[in-house]
């Protein structure tokens, strides 16, 4: 198992692009961690630095007590699984699992034992004689993870490996992935561009933007106490809107008044808004609505609903007020 620590790590490519900036994170041995954020936020670069296929440019990366500094590059025994799984199409599942061991000329009895034990663990015994073209996407994921597990990796690194699955299969895959991680006991880092997918994993999640960590927390923390407008929007998409409102004190309540709506501010928030000097001032109000379907066009404007999740942000800094 892998205990991984990033200390002020940076990654700058030869073209001058900074992919990761001042990245500090401790990942416990055996932890299931999710990295999420928009495309280009640096998530995949973090995985490659863990795998040792991308050297760091600054700071320190420590894995199981071994510290790596700038410019040093060493491939590590990790199970890195990409979205397209990259199974060998001309080989059966059994041969896919055994390929690397055969390449290293390991004894046949050891290969057979490792393949069969791994197949039982991942519940793919009935697929060993199948070819990748005969498998559905969910089965391919199980096989890809099983193939990585044969090498006894220190960690599994999964890059958007559920995105291609149908929603029903994705739900099943999430459940099986979490169960497998507990059974195998390996550190598992899952990367996804979808905030909603990250929330459904129900584990500690790191939200990234432009190479930096914006916030780390559980699903509940990221939804109920986002640190800023970006995190609130990203974790609540696609049913999230924000509008400028004025916080006004009426005769019986404090209201947030926008161009298209006016709502009462929850009583427990009034003191905090008052202490922040928001009365009579313009702030940003973020709120959730019922998510639109993938087929429908997202409306340009919406209004808060009775069960909307509501946030108030400083207009200038976009940091959370309440």
Protein backbone atom coordinates (compact mmCIF):
# COMPACT_ATOMS: atom_id res chain seq x y z
CA UNK A 1 0.00 0.00 0.00
CA UNK A 2 1.11 3.56 -0.69
CA UNK A 3 1.29 6.55 1.63
CA UNK A 4 1.76 9.59 -0.58
CA UNK A 5 2.67 13.16 0.39
CA UNK A 6 2.97 16.17 -1.90
CA UNK A 7 4.79 19.16 -0.40
CA UNK A 8 4.48 22.39 -2.41
CA UNK A 9 4.87 20.44 -5.64
CA UNK A 10 4.92 22.25 -8.97
CA UNK A 11 4.99 20.96 -12.52
CA UNK A 12 6.00 23.23 -15.39
CA UNK A 13 6.32 21.89 -18.92
CA UNK A 14 9.13 22.92 -21.33
CA UNK A 15 6.73 25.31 -23.09
CA UNK A 16 6.37 27.23 -19.84
CA UNK A 17 2.86 26.01 -19.00
CA UNK A 18 2.42 25.47 -15.26
CA UNK A 19 0.19 22.40 -14.94
CA UNK A 20 0.42 22.05 -11.14
CA UNK A 21 1.14 24.87 -8.69
CA UNK A 22 2.06 24.72 -4.99
CA UNK A 23 0.29 21.37 -4.58
CA UNK A 24 0.32 19.99 -1.01
CA UNK A 25 -1.65 16.88 -0.14
CA UNK A 26 -1.32 13.85 2.16
CA UNK A 27 -2.92 10.61 0.97
CA UNK A 28 -3.20 7.90 3.60
CA UNK A 29 -2.16 4.34 2.92
CA UNK A 30 -5.21 2.38 1.76
CA UNK A 31 -7.31 5.51 1.19
CA UNK A 32 -9.91 5.93 -1.56
CA UNK A 33 -9.43 9.51 -2.80
CA UNK A 34 -11.16 11.38 -5.63
CA UNK A 35 -9.51 14.16 -7.64
CA UNK A 36 -11.96 16.32 -9.55
CA UNK A 37 -12.05 19.61 -11.41
CA UNK A 38 -12.55 20.87 -14.97
CA UNK A 39 -10.51 19.53 -17.87
CA UNK A 40 -7.01 20.99 -17.74
CA UNK A 41 -7.00 21.53 -13.97
CA UNK A 42 -3.92 19.32 -13.46
CA UNK A 43 -5.55 16.12 -12.21
CA UNK A 44 -3.98 13.75 -14.73
CA UNK A 45 -0.57 15.40 -14.22
CA UNK A 46 -0.83 14.61 -10.50
CA UNK A 47 -1.47 10.95 -11.36
CA UNK A 48 1.50 10.81 -13.72
CA UNK A 49 3.77 12.30 -11.06
CA UNK A 50 2.64 9.58 -8.64
CA UNK A 51 3.25 6.92 -11.29
CA UNK A 52 6.72 8.36 -11.92
CA UNK A 53 6.11 8.96 -15.62
CA UNK A 54 6.26 12.75 -15.08
CA UNK A 55 9.05 14.32 -13.01
CA UNK A 56 8.15 17.12 -10.63
CA UNK A 57 9.55 20.61 -11.25
CA UNK A 58 9.61 21.82 -7.67
CA UNK A 59 8.77 20.78 -4.11
CA UNK A 60 8.90 17.21 -2.83
CA UNK A 61 6.89 14.07 -3.49
CA UNK A 62 7.21 11.31 -0.88
CA UNK A 63 5.89 7.79 -1.48
CA UNK A 64 6.25 5.23 1.30
CA UNK A 65 9.07 7.22 2.86
CA UNK A 66 11.04 7.70 -0.37
CA UNK A 67 11.40 11.38 -1.28
CA UNK A 68 11.61 12.52 -4.89
CA UNK A 69 12.81 16.00 -5.79
CA UNK A 70 12.78 18.12 -8.96
CA UNK A 71 13.97 16.44 -12.15
CA UNK A 72 14.13 12.95 -10.69
CA UNK A 73 11.99 10.40 -12.49
CA UNK A 74 11.42 6.77 -11.57
CA UNK A 75 8.56 4.58 -12.74
CA UNK A 76 6.69 2.98 -9.87
CA UNK A 77 4.64 -0.18 -9.55
CA UNK A 78 1.19 1.37 -9.77
CA UNK A 79 -1.92 0.18 -11.55
CA UNK A 80 -2.73 3.10 -13.86
CA UNK A 81 -6.01 2.55 -15.67
CA UNK A 82 -7.13 4.94 -18.39
CA UNK A 83 -10.61 5.59 -19.76
CA UNK A 84 -10.13 3.27 -22.74
CA UNK A 85 -8.70 0.37 -20.69
CA UNK A 86 -6.15 -0.63 -23.45
CA UNK A 87 -6.73 -4.37 -23.24
CA UNK A 88 -4.87 -6.44 -25.83
CA UNK A 89 -7.60 -7.26 -28.39
CA UNK A 90 -5.97 -10.44 -29.75
CA UNK A 91 -5.62 -12.04 -26.32
CA UNK A 92 -8.16 -13.70 -24.06
CA UNK A 93 -8.81 -12.24 -20.64
CA UNK A 94 -6.59 -14.95 -19.15
CA UNK A 95 -3.72 -13.99 -21.46
CA UNK A 96 -4.26 -10.28 -20.78
CA UNK A 97 -3.87 -10.94 -17.06
CA UNK A 98 -0.82 -13.14 -17.55
CA UNK A 99 0.98 -11.09 -20.22
CA UNK A 100 3.37 -9.05 -18.07
CA UNK A 101 4.26 -12.03 -15.88
CA UNK A 102 5.09 -14.07 -18.98
CA UNK A 103 7.13 -11.17 -20.30
CA UNK A 104 9.26 -11.38 -17.15
CA UNK A 105 9.57 -15.17 -17.55
CA UNK A 106 7.94 -15.98 -14.25
CA UNK A 107 7.20 -19.67 -13.56
CA UNK A 108 4.04 -20.95 -15.23
CA UNK A 109 2.56 -22.30 -11.98
CA UNK A 110 2.97 -18.89 -10.33
CA UNK A 111 1.36 -17.17 -13.30
CA UNK A 112 -1.60 -19.55 -13.25
CA UNK A 113 -2.05 -19.14 -9.48
CA UNK A 114 -1.90 -15.33 -9.68
CA UNK A 115 -4.37 -15.19 -12.58
CA UNK A 116 -6.88 -17.49 -10.91
CA UNK A 117 -6.69 -15.74 -7.53
CA UNK A 118 -7.11 -12.36 -9.17
CA UNK A 119 -10.02 -13.57 -11.31
CA UNK A 120 -11.81 -14.80 -8.17
CA UNK A 121 -11.21 -11.52 -6.35
CA UNK A 122 -12.61 -9.47 -9.23
CA UNK A 123 -15.38 -12.00 -9.96
CA UNK A 124 -14.36 -12.50 -13.59
CA UNK A 125 -13.66 -16.27 -13.54
CA UNK A 126 -16.34 -16.80 -16.19
CA UNK A 127 -14.63 -14.29 -18.52
CA UNK A 128 -11.15 -15.81 -18.65
CA UNK A 129 -11.68 -17.44 -22.06
CA UNK A 130 -13.34 -14.35 -23.58
CA UNK A 131 -11.73 -11.76 -25.86
CA UNK A 132 -12.10 -8.01 -25.12
CA UNK A 133 -14.51 -7.58 -28.07
CA UNK A 134 -16.92 -9.95 -26.30
CA UNK A 135 -17.04 -7.88 -23.11
CA UNK A 136 -19.25 -4.95 -22.20
CA UNK A 137 -17.68 -1.74 -20.87
CA UNK A 138 -18.19 -2.70 -17.23
CA UNK A 139 -16.55 -6.08 -17.72
CA UNK A 140 -13.63 -4.39 -19.48
CA UNK A 141 -13.10 -2.20 -16.43
CA UNK A 142 -13.03 -5.20 -14.10
CA UNK A 143 -10.52 -6.92 -16.39
CA UNK A 144 -8.34 -3.79 -16.62
CA UNK A 145 -8.23 -3.51 -12.83
CA UNK A 146 -7.59 -7.23 -12.47
CA UNK A 147 -4.69 -7.04 -14.93
CA UNK A 148 -3.18 -4.19 -12.91
CA UNK A 149 -3.70 -6.10 -9.65
CA UNK A 150 -1.72 -9.13 -10.85
CA UNK A 151 1.47 -7.04 -10.43
CA UNK A 152 0.61 -6.32 -6.77
CA UNK A 153 0.71 -2.52 -7.27
CA UNK A 154 1.24 -0.10 -4.41
CA UNK A 155 -1.73 1.96 -5.62
CA UNK A 156 -4.45 2.08 -8.26
CA UNK A 157 -4.73 5.27 -10.33
CA UNK A 158 -7.97 5.46 -12.32
CA UNK A 159 -8.48 8.16 -14.92
CA UNK A 160 -12.15 8.74 -15.86
CA UNK A 161 -12.66 4.99 -16.13
CA UNK A 162 -16.45 5.15 -15.54
CA UNK A 163 -17.30 7.93 -17.98
CA UNK A 164 -18.04 5.61 -20.90
CA UNK A 165 -20.54 3.49 -18.96
CA UNK A 166 -24.31 3.79 -19.20
CA UNK A 167 -25.84 5.38 -16.07
CA UNK A 168 -27.16 2.06 -14.74
CA UNK A 169 -23.79 0.36 -15.25
CA UNK A 170 -21.99 3.36 -13.78
CA UNK A 171 -23.92 3.02 -10.54
CA UNK A 172 -23.07 -0.66 -10.38
CA UNK A 173 -19.41 0.07 -11.18
CA UNK A 174 -19.16 2.69 -8.41
CA UNK A 175 -20.50 0.24 -5.87
CA UNK A 176 -18.19 -2.54 -7.03
CA UNK A 177 -15.19 -0.20 -7.18
CA UNK A 178 -15.66 0.85 -3.56
CA UNK A 179 -16.15 -2.75 -2.46
CA UNK A 180 -13.06 -3.88 -4.37
CA UNK A 181 -10.95 -1.12 -2.87
CA UNK A 182 -11.88 -2.33 0.62
CA UNK A 183 -11.20 -5.96 -0.28
CA UNK A 184 -7.87 -5.26 -1.96
CA UNK A 185 -6.83 -2.67 0.62
CA UNK A 186 -4.78 -0.62 -1.83
CA UNK A 187 -4.60 3.15 -2.07
CA UNK A 188 -6.96 4.15 -4.89
CA UNK A 189 -7.04 7.56 -6.54
CA UNK A 190 -9.91 8.18 -8.93
CA UNK A 191 -9.91 11.15 -11.31
CA UNK A 192 -13.05 12.57 -12.90
CA UNK A 193 -14.04 15.80 -14.67
CA UNK A 194 -17.53 15.53 -13.18
CA UNK A 195 -18.31 17.05 -9.80
CA UNK A 196 -21.48 15.00 -9.58
CA UNK A 197 -19.59 11.77 -10.24
CA UNK A 198 -17.11 12.74 -7.51
CA UNK A 199 -19.94 13.33 -5.03
CA UNK A 200 -21.45 9.92 -5.77
CA UNK A 201 -18.20 8.23 -4.70
CA UNK A 202 -18.95 9.48 -1.17
CA UNK A 203 -15.32 9.74 -0.09
CA UNK A 204 -12.71 12.44 0.52
CA UNK A 205 -12.51 14.61 -2.56
CA UNK A 206 -9.96 17.14 -3.81
CA UNK A 207 -11.35 19.89 -6.07
CA UNK A 208 -8.75 21.40 -8.41
CA UNK A 209 -8.69 24.42 -10.71
CA UNK A 210 -5.83 25.75 -12.85
CA UNK A 211 -3.28 23.47 -11.21
CA UNK A 212 -4.20 24.38 -7.63
CA UNK A 213 -6.28 22.79 -4.90
CA UNK A 214 -9.43 24.81 -4.29
CA UNK A 215 -10.93 22.69 -1.51
CA UNK A 216 -10.68 19.26 0.11
CA UNK A 217 -13.65 17.68 1.82
CA UNK A 218 -16.37 15.08 1.97
CA UNK A 219 -19.38 15.24 -0.34
CA UNK A 220 -21.40 16.83 2.48
CA UNK A 221 -18.73 19.48 3.18
CA UNK A 222 -18.33 20.41 -0.48
CA UNK A 223 -22.08 20.82 -0.93
CA UNK A 224 -22.95 22.49 2.37
CA UNK A 225 -19.82 24.61 2.86
CA UNK A 226 -18.06 25.31 -0.46
CA UNK A 227 -15.19 27.76 0.01
CA UNK A 228 -16.07 29.88 -3.01
CA UNK A 229 -18.35 30.34 -6.01
CA UNK A 230 -16.26 28.08 -8.24
CA UNK A 231 -16.53 25.05 -5.93
CA UNK A 232 -20.25 25.60 -5.36
CA UNK A 233 -20.90 25.86 -9.10
CA UNK A 234 -18.68 22.94 -10.07
CA UNK A 235 -20.10 20.55 -7.48
CA UNK A 236 -23.73 21.52 -8.21
CA UNK A 237 -23.64 21.59 -12.02
CA UNK A 238 -25.61 21.43 -14.24
CA UNK A 239 -28.42 22.86 -12.09
CA UNK A 240 -26.63 25.89 -10.65
CA UNK A 241 -27.12 29.62 -11.24
CA UNK A 242 -25.85 32.81 -9.64
CA UNK A 243 -27.22 36.34 -9.65
CA UNK A 244 -26.40 39.65 -8.05
CA UNK A 245 -28.80 40.46 -5.21
CA UNK A 246 -29.16 43.23 -2.65
CA UNK A 247 -29.50 42.21 0.99
CA UNK A 248 -32.35 44.40 2.28
CA UNK A 249 -33.89 44.62 5.72
CA UNK A 250 -37.66 44.63 5.52
CA UNK A 251 -40.31 45.05 8.20
CA UNK A 252 -40.46 41.39 9.15
CA UNK A 253 -37.41 39.76 7.56
CA UNK A 254 -34.19 40.25 5.64
CA UNK A 255 -34.58 39.69 1.92
CA UNK A 256 -32.27 38.96 -0.99
CA UNK A 257 -33.66 41.02 -3.85
CA UNK A 258 -32.65 40.28 -7.43
CA UNK A 259 -33.93 41.43 -10.81
CA UNK A 260 -36.29 38.46 -11.25
CA UNK A 261 -37.00 37.33 -7.70
CA UNK A 262 -36.97 38.17 -4.03
CA UNK A 263 -36.55 35.61 -1.25
CA UNK A 264 -36.39 35.71 2.53
CA UNK A 265 -32.93 35.06 3.93
CA UNK A 266 -32.98 32.16 6.43
CA UNK A 267 -33.08 33.60 9.95
CA UNK A 268 -29.94 31.74 11.04
CA UNK A 269 -27.94 33.50 8.31
CA UNK A 270 -28.98 37.08 9.11
CA UNK A 271 -26.41 37.66 11.87
CA UNK A 272 -23.55 36.41 9.69
CA UNK A 273 -24.58 38.58 6.75
CA UNK A 274 -24.92 41.54 9.11
CA UNK A 275 -21.46 40.99 10.63
CA UNK A 276 -20.03 40.77 7.12
CA UNK A 277 -21.46 44.21 6.38
CA UNK A 278 -23.81 42.92 3.69
CA UNK A 279 -27.00 44.79 4.65
CA UNK A 280 -27.81 47.19 1.85
CA UNK A 281 -24.96 45.81 -0.25
CA UNK A 282 -24.82 43.78 -3.43
CA UNK A 283 -23.59 40.19 -3.13
CA UNK A 284 -23.64 37.13 -5.34
CA UNK A 285 -26.31 34.57 -4.59
CA UNK A 286 -25.75 31.04 -5.88
CA UNK A 287 -28.63 28.59 -5.96
CA UNK A 288 -29.50 25.19 -7.28
CA UNK A 289 -32.39 24.25 -9.52
CA UNK A 290 -33.66 20.99 -10.89
CA UNK A 291 -30.90 19.81 -13.29
CA UNK A 292 -31.88 19.95 -16.95
CA UNK A 293 -31.79 16.78 -19.02
CA UNK A 294 -28.89 16.17 -21.37
CA UNK A 295 -31.20 16.66 -24.35
CA UNK A 296 -32.66 19.98 -23.20
CA UNK A 297 -31.00 23.38 -23.60
CA UNK A 298 -29.96 24.94 -20.31
CA UNK A 299 -32.12 28.04 -19.65
CA UNK A 300 -30.18 31.28 -19.49
CA UNK A 301 -32.01 32.34 -16.32
CA UNK A 302 -33.79 30.54 -13.50
CA UNK A 303 -35.24 31.34 -10.10
CA UNK A 304 -34.67 29.64 -6.75
CA UNK A 305 -37.08 26.84 -5.91
CA UNK A 306 -38.45 25.95 -2.44
CA UNK A 307 -35.87 23.19 -2.01
CA UNK A 308 -32.98 25.06 -3.64
CA UNK A 309 -29.56 24.97 -2.00
CA UNK A 310 -28.62 28.65 -1.53
CA UNK A 311 -25.26 30.35 -0.95
CA UNK A 312 -24.10 33.96 -0.62
CA UNK A 313 -20.67 35.05 -1.89
CA UNK A 314 -18.63 38.23 -1.71
CA UNK A 315 -19.05 39.99 -5.04
CA UNK A 316 -15.36 40.88 -5.40
CA UNK A 317 -13.51 37.85 -4.01
CA UNK A 318 -16.26 35.29 -4.75
CA UNK A 319 -15.50 33.70 -1.36
CA UNK A 320 -18.34 32.21 0.63
CA UNK A 321 -20.12 34.42 3.16
CA UNK A 322 -22.75 31.92 4.21
